[in-house]
Protein backbone atom coordinates (compact mmCIF):
# COMPACT_ATOMS: atom_id res chain seq x y z
CA MET A 1 -19.91 46.14 -62.54
CA VAL A 2 -23.03 44.92 -60.79
CA PRO A 3 -25.87 44.38 -63.25
CA GLU A 4 -29.08 46.31 -62.92
CA VAL A 5 -32.14 44.60 -61.52
CA VAL A 6 -34.73 43.89 -64.14
CA GLY A 7 -37.92 45.83 -63.60
CA SER A 8 -39.23 49.36 -63.42
CA ASN A 9 -40.48 51.79 -60.86
CA PRO A 10 -44.01 53.31 -60.94
CA ILE A 11 -43.00 56.01 -63.45
CA GLY A 12 -41.37 53.57 -65.84
CA ARG A 13 -37.65 54.12 -65.23
CA PRO A 14 -35.35 51.11 -64.58
CA ILE A 15 -34.61 50.31 -60.96
CA VAL A 16 -30.91 50.50 -60.12
CA SER A 17 -29.61 47.75 -57.88
CA ILE A 18 -29.30 48.41 -54.18
CA GLU A 19 -25.57 47.74 -54.37
CA ASN A 20 -25.03 50.46 -56.97
CA GLN A 21 -27.11 52.96 -54.97
CA ILE A 22 -25.07 52.36 -51.83
CA ALA A 23 -21.79 52.58 -53.72
CA ASN A 24 -22.78 55.86 -55.37
CA ARG A 25 -23.88 57.39 -52.06
CA VAL A 26 -20.66 56.64 -50.24
CA GLN A 27 -18.56 58.01 -53.12
CA ALA A 28 -17.15 61.35 -51.90
CA PRO A 29 -16.79 64.13 -54.51
CA GLY A 30 -12.99 64.15 -54.38
CA ARG A 31 -12.37 60.45 -53.83
CA PRO A 32 -11.09 58.27 -56.71
CA ALA A 33 -13.42 55.55 -57.88
CA ASP A 34 -11.04 52.73 -56.94
CA LYS A 35 -11.08 53.83 -53.27
CA ARG A 36 -14.81 53.64 -52.82
CA LEU A 37 -16.16 51.61 -49.93
CA SER A 38 -17.60 48.31 -50.96
CA PRO A 39 -21.39 47.96 -50.74
CA ALA A 40 -21.07 45.43 -47.91
CA LYS A 41 -18.78 47.68 -45.84
CA SER A 42 -20.97 50.72 -46.39
CA SER A 43 -24.04 48.75 -45.34
CA LEU A 44 -22.29 47.58 -42.18
CA ALA A 45 -21.14 51.14 -41.42
CA GLY A 46 -24.67 52.46 -41.81
CA LEU A 47 -26.06 49.67 -39.63
CA SER A 48 -23.45 50.41 -36.94
CA ALA A 49 -24.32 54.13 -36.96
CA ASN A 50 -28.03 53.34 -36.65
CA CYS A 51 -27.35 50.99 -33.73
CA GLN A 52 -25.25 53.66 -32.03
CA ARG A 53 -28.04 56.23 -32.39
CA ALA A 54 -30.55 53.70 -31.06
CA ARG A 55 -28.36 53.06 -28.00
CA HIS A 56 -28.07 56.80 -27.32
CA TRP A 57 -31.85 57.20 -27.67
CA THR A 58 -32.46 54.27 -25.32
CA ALA A 59 -30.01 55.67 -22.76
CA LEU A 60 -31.76 59.07 -22.90
CA SER A 61 -35.15 57.42 -22.42
CA GLU A 62 -33.83 55.42 -19.44
CA ILE A 63 -32.44 58.56 -17.82
CA MET A 64 -35.72 60.42 -18.32
CA HIS A 65 -37.88 57.58 -17.05
CA GLY A 66 -35.51 57.10 -14.12
CA PHE A 67 -37.12 60.19 -12.58
CA ALA A 68 -40.63 59.11 -13.57
CA ASN A 69 -41.10 57.45 -10.19
CA PRO A 70 -42.86 60.03 -7.99
CA ALA A 71 -41.16 58.69 -4.86
CA ARG A 72 -37.73 59.13 -6.39
CA PHE A 73 -38.60 62.63 -7.58
CA LEU A 74 -39.92 63.60 -4.15
CA ARG A 75 -36.69 62.41 -2.49
CA LEU A 76 -34.72 64.61 -4.89
CA ALA A 77 -37.03 67.61 -4.53
CA ARG A 78 -37.09 67.38 -0.74
CA TRP A 79 -33.49 68.59 -0.37
CA LEU A 80 -33.21 70.50 -3.66
CA THR A 81 -36.16 72.83 -2.97
CA PRO A 82 -34.77 74.53 0.18
CA LEU A 83 -31.34 74.76 -1.43
CA LEU A 84 -32.69 76.60 -4.48
CA LEU A 85 -34.98 78.74 -2.33
CA PHE A 86 -32.34 79.86 0.16
CA THR A 87 -29.66 80.47 -2.49
CA GLY A 88 -32.14 82.33 -4.69
CA ILE A 89 -33.30 84.61 -1.86
CA VAL A 90 -29.74 85.50 -0.86
CA LEU A 91 -28.53 86.09 -4.42
CA THR A 92 -31.62 88.06 -5.43
CA ALA A 93 -31.54 90.29 -2.35
CA ALA A 94 -27.80 90.94 -2.73
CA SER A 95 -28.01 91.73 -6.44
CA LEU A 96 -31.01 94.04 -6.06
CA ALA A 97 -29.32 95.87 -3.18
CA TRP A 98 -26.19 96.21 -5.30
CA GLY A 99 -28.17 97.51 -8.24
CA VAL A 100 -30.16 100.01 -6.19
CA PHE A 101 -27.54 101.32 -3.75
CA VAL A 102 -24.13 100.64 -5.32
CA ALA A 103 -24.45 100.66 -9.13
CA PRO A 104 -24.29 104.13 -10.71
CA ALA A 105 -27.17 105.90 -12.39
CA ASP A 106 -27.36 105.94 -16.17
CA ALA A 107 -26.07 109.01 -18.00
CA LEU A 108 -29.28 109.40 -20.04
CA GLN A 109 -32.06 107.78 -18.00
CA GLY A 110 -30.80 108.67 -14.57
CA GLU A 111 -32.15 106.78 -11.56
CA THR A 112 -35.03 105.19 -13.49
CA VAL A 113 -32.61 102.70 -15.05
CA ARG A 114 -32.43 100.83 -11.74
CA ILE A 115 -35.71 99.09 -12.54
CA VAL A 116 -33.74 97.09 -15.12
CA TYR A 117 -32.57 94.76 -12.32
CA LEU A 118 -36.19 93.68 -11.87
CA HIS A 119 -37.58 94.11 -15.38
CA VAL A 120 -35.03 92.05 -17.31
CA PRO A 121 -35.08 88.97 -15.01
CA THR A 122 -38.88 88.87 -15.07
CA ALA A 123 -38.90 89.14 -18.87
CA TRP A 124 -36.28 86.39 -19.11
CA LEU A 125 -38.25 84.05 -16.82
CA GLY A 126 -41.56 84.83 -18.50
CA MET A 127 -40.10 83.64 -21.80
CA GLY A 128 -37.95 80.90 -20.27
CA GLY A 129 -40.93 79.60 -18.34
CA TRP A 130 -42.94 78.99 -21.50
CA THR A 131 -39.89 77.39 -23.15
CA ALA A 132 -39.67 74.94 -20.23
CA LEU A 133 -43.43 74.38 -20.41
CA ALA A 134 -43.15 73.55 -24.12
CA LEU A 135 -40.31 71.10 -23.45
CA ALA A 136 -42.36 69.41 -20.73
CA SER A 137 -45.31 69.22 -23.13
CA LEU A 138 -43.08 67.65 -25.79
CA THR A 139 -41.81 65.12 -23.25
CA GLU A 140 -45.38 64.25 -22.30
CA LEU A 141 -46.45 63.75 -25.92
CA VAL A 142 -43.38 61.82 -27.11
CA TRP A 143 -42.19 59.83 -24.11
CA ARG A 144 -45.42 59.74 -22.05
CA HIS A 145 -43.39 60.82 -19.01
CA PRO A 146 -45.68 60.65 -15.94
CA LEU A 147 -44.29 63.83 -14.37
CA ALA A 148 -44.15 65.93 -17.54
CA ALA A 149 -47.77 67.13 -17.34
CA ILE A 150 -47.32 67.94 -13.65
CA ALA A 151 -44.14 69.89 -14.43
CA ALA A 152 -45.90 71.89 -17.15
CA ARG A 153 -48.76 72.80 -14.80
CA ALA A 154 -46.28 73.74 -12.08
CA ILE A 155 -44.36 76.02 -14.44
CA ALA A 156 -47.45 77.82 -15.76
CA VAL A 157 -48.33 79.76 -12.59
CA PRO A 158 -44.90 81.30 -11.81
CA GLY A 159 -44.39 81.86 -15.54
CA ALA A 160 -47.62 83.87 -15.70
CA VAL A 161 -46.61 85.84 -12.60
CA PHE A 162 -43.24 86.78 -14.06
CA ALA A 163 -44.80 87.69 -17.41
CA ALA A 164 -47.23 90.00 -15.60
CA LEU A 165 -44.39 91.53 -13.56
CA CYS A 166 -42.47 92.12 -16.78
CA LEU A 167 -45.41 94.05 -18.23
CA VAL A 168 -45.92 96.08 -15.05
CA THR A 169 -42.26 97.01 -14.61
CA GLY A 170 -41.96 97.76 -18.32
CA SER A 171 -44.93 100.10 -18.11
CA ILE A 172 -43.42 101.89 -15.10
CA TRP A 173 -40.10 102.23 -16.91
CA GLY A 174 -41.76 103.31 -20.15
CA ARG A 175 -43.63 106.22 -18.59
CA PRO A 176 -40.54 108.46 -18.07
CA ALA A 177 -38.67 106.99 -21.07
CA TRP A 178 -41.45 107.13 -23.72
CA GLY A 179 -43.94 109.50 -22.10
CA ALA A 180 -46.67 106.82 -22.06
CA TRP A 181 -47.65 103.94 -19.81
CA TRP A 182 -48.42 101.66 -22.75
CA VAL A 183 -47.87 101.59 -26.50
CA TRP A 184 -48.94 98.87 -28.91
CA ASP A 185 -45.35 98.07 -29.67
CA GLY A 186 -44.27 94.72 -31.10
CA ARG A 187 -42.36 93.69 -27.97
CA LEU A 188 -45.05 94.81 -25.53
CA THR A 189 -47.90 93.29 -27.54
CA SER A 190 -46.19 89.92 -27.99
CA MET A 191 -45.39 89.83 -24.26
CA LEU A 192 -49.04 90.54 -23.49
CA VAL A 193 -49.96 87.65 -25.78
CA LEU A 194 -47.61 85.44 -23.75
CA LEU A 195 -49.49 86.34 -20.56
CA PHE A 196 -52.78 85.41 -22.23
CA LEU A 197 -51.22 82.13 -23.38
CA TYR A 198 -50.28 81.32 -19.79
CA LEU A 199 -53.82 82.04 -18.63
CA GLY A 200 -55.25 79.95 -21.46
CA TYR A 201 -52.98 77.03 -20.60
CA LEU A 202 -54.01 77.18 -16.94
CA ALA A 203 -57.68 77.15 -17.94
CA LEU A 204 -57.17 74.15 -20.24
CA ALA A 205 -55.17 72.22 -17.63
CA ASP A 206 -57.76 72.87 -14.91
CA ALA A 207 -60.60 71.82 -17.24
CA ALA A 208 -58.79 68.60 -18.13
CA GLN A 209 -58.20 67.90 -14.44
CA ARG A 210 -61.83 68.50 -13.50
CA ASP A 211 -63.03 66.21 -16.26
CA GLY A 212 -60.87 63.41 -14.95
CA ALA A 213 -58.53 63.64 -17.94
CA GLY A 214 -55.33 64.57 -16.13
CA ALA A 215 -53.29 63.07 -18.96
CA SER A 216 -55.19 64.93 -21.66
CA ARG A 217 -53.03 65.86 -24.62
CA VAL A 218 -54.87 69.11 -25.33
CA PRO A 219 -52.88 71.26 -22.83
CA ALA A 220 -49.63 69.71 -24.07
CA ILE A 221 -50.46 70.51 -27.70
CA PHE A 222 -51.40 74.04 -26.67
CA GLY A 223 -48.06 74.38 -24.88
CA LEU A 224 -46.18 73.39 -28.02
CA VAL A 225 -48.18 75.68 -30.30
CA GLY A 226 -47.72 78.63 -27.94
CA ALA A 227 -43.94 78.27 -28.20
CA VAL A 228 -44.18 80.01 -31.58
CA ASN A 229 -44.59 83.28 -29.69
CA ILE A 230 -41.17 83.04 -28.00
CA PRO A 231 -39.03 83.86 -31.07
CA ILE A 232 -41.58 86.55 -32.00
CA ILE A 233 -40.96 88.25 -28.64
CA HIS A 234 -37.21 87.96 -29.03
CA TYR A 235 -36.95 89.25 -32.60
CA SER A 236 -39.80 91.78 -32.46
CA VAL A 237 -37.40 94.68 -31.85
CA LEU A 238 -35.48 93.68 -34.98
CA TRP A 239 -38.39 92.83 -37.29
CA TRP A 240 -40.52 95.96 -36.69
CA ASN A 241 -40.03 99.60 -35.81
CA SER A 242 -40.06 99.56 -32.05
CA LEU A 243 -39.79 102.02 -29.20
CA HIS A 244 -38.22 99.22 -27.20
CA GLN A 245 -34.44 99.19 -27.35
CA PRO A 246 -32.70 96.33 -29.18
CA PRO A 247 -31.06 93.52 -27.19
CA SER A 248 -28.17 94.77 -25.07
CA ILE A 249 -26.88 91.24 -24.39
CA THR A 250 -26.26 88.84 -27.25
CA MET A 251 -24.24 85.66 -27.67
CA GLY A 252 -20.65 86.39 -26.69
CA LYS A 253 -20.94 90.14 -26.27
CA SER A 254 -22.73 92.85 -24.31
CA ALA A 255 -23.40 96.53 -24.88
CA MET A 256 -23.74 97.14 -21.12
CA ALA A 257 -20.98 98.45 -18.90
CA PRO A 258 -19.70 95.92 -16.30
CA GLU A 259 -21.07 97.95 -13.37
CA PHE A 260 -24.58 97.38 -14.81
CA LEU A 261 -24.04 93.92 -16.30
CA VAL A 262 -22.71 92.10 -13.23
CA PRO A 263 -25.61 92.88 -10.85
CA LEU A 264 -28.08 92.26 -13.70
CA LEU A 265 -26.69 88.76 -14.32
CA ALA A 266 -26.66 88.08 -10.59
CA ALA A 267 -30.29 89.18 -10.27
CA THR A 268 -31.27 86.99 -13.23
CA ALA A 269 -29.54 83.98 -11.65
CA GLY A 270 -31.20 84.64 -8.29
CA PHE A 271 -34.68 84.96 -9.76
CA SER A 272 -34.06 81.80 -11.81
CA LEU A 273 -33.23 79.85 -8.65
CA LEU A 274 -36.41 81.17 -7.02
CA PHE A 275 -38.36 80.14 -10.11
CA GLY A 276 -36.95 76.62 -9.87
CA ALA A 277 -37.79 76.39 -6.17
CA VAL A 278 -41.38 77.49 -6.76
CA VAL A 279 -41.78 74.97 -9.58
CA LEU A 280 -40.52 72.14 -7.36
CA MET A 281 -42.86 73.20 -4.54
CA ARG A 282 -45.81 73.28 -6.91
CA MET A 283 -44.92 69.88 -8.35
CA ARG A 284 -44.80 68.41 -4.85
CA ALA A 285 -48.17 69.97 -4.04
CA LEU A 286 -49.76 68.67 -7.26
CA LEU A 287 -48.39 65.19 -6.62
CA ALA A 288 -49.76 65.28 -3.07
CA ASP A 289 -53.19 66.29 -4.42
CA GLN A 290 -53.15 63.45 -6.95
CA GLN A 291 -52.12 60.90 -4.32
CA ALA A 292 -54.79 62.10 -1.90
CA GLU A 293 -57.43 61.94 -4.65
CA ALA A 294 -56.31 58.42 -5.57
CA ARG A 295 -56.61 57.28 -1.93
CA LEU A 296 -60.11 58.76 -1.69
CA ARG A 297 -61.15 56.97 -4.87
CA ARG A 298 -59.79 53.64 -3.62
CA LYS A 299 -61.57 54.13 -0.31
CA ALA A 300 -64.86 55.02 -2.02
CA PHE A 301 -64.51 52.01 -4.34
CA ALA A 302 -63.82 49.70 -1.41
CA THR A 303 -66.83 51.08 0.48
CA SER A 304 -69.16 50.64 -2.48
CA GLY A 305 -67.84 47.12 -3.06
CA ALA A 306 -68.49 46.18 0.55
CA ASP A 307 -72.10 47.40 0.24
């Protein structure tokens, strides 16, 4: 048995040797004492696991920073943008036409149910847009990725548009279903809060840009804090009494008939491709603005230096 190290910790109890601590930790509940890993082997195993995690983290950082070069990103976006745009337009148009002219009417709601093929994708992208914005903000704060702030700003505008479309289409659908254009329901109110969050983020990002603090961390922190509203939107119909129906599509199952589900999923995919195309176009425009501003600053600096 390894002897204890002489001494005491701040509260006066004896300090157990590092070897005994390691041996006790690697002892599984059902493993006999004579089959325990030795302290040296357990230390080497822990060191190997830490090195493996460090290698994975380094590889992830290298992949992320591989696209940090604006020129490399622009080469990728140049061919990806028209592909997403064309595919999204075709898929969206086909799915909406299918939902409006081919899919049957609902037994209870009649023809008004057809707005679901527009309402659900806009709600999905309003929430998904802020989720992507929060991830870009996290990437900016943790990895200092040069394109993360640009991506977050590019996402904010189409995200706000889809959140507003979700509220408008929901109000149109709610009028015949609930007898009112608007109710202060948990789902509707939290979605309205999301729209205000988008507008607040755009105001913060524009203020940081005007002040010459394009890499300001304030919009990124706001983007992370605002992500708290996403689970509130999702679970609002379960947490509170709500006029809004509960989720019809959950993990692994759906309460919708296939003739409604298939065009709805196709419409959601099409709108998602359009969302991605708009984000890439906005990122390219924001990068072009930054590059033009940098050239003007260099030219002004050179002119003032010559004088």
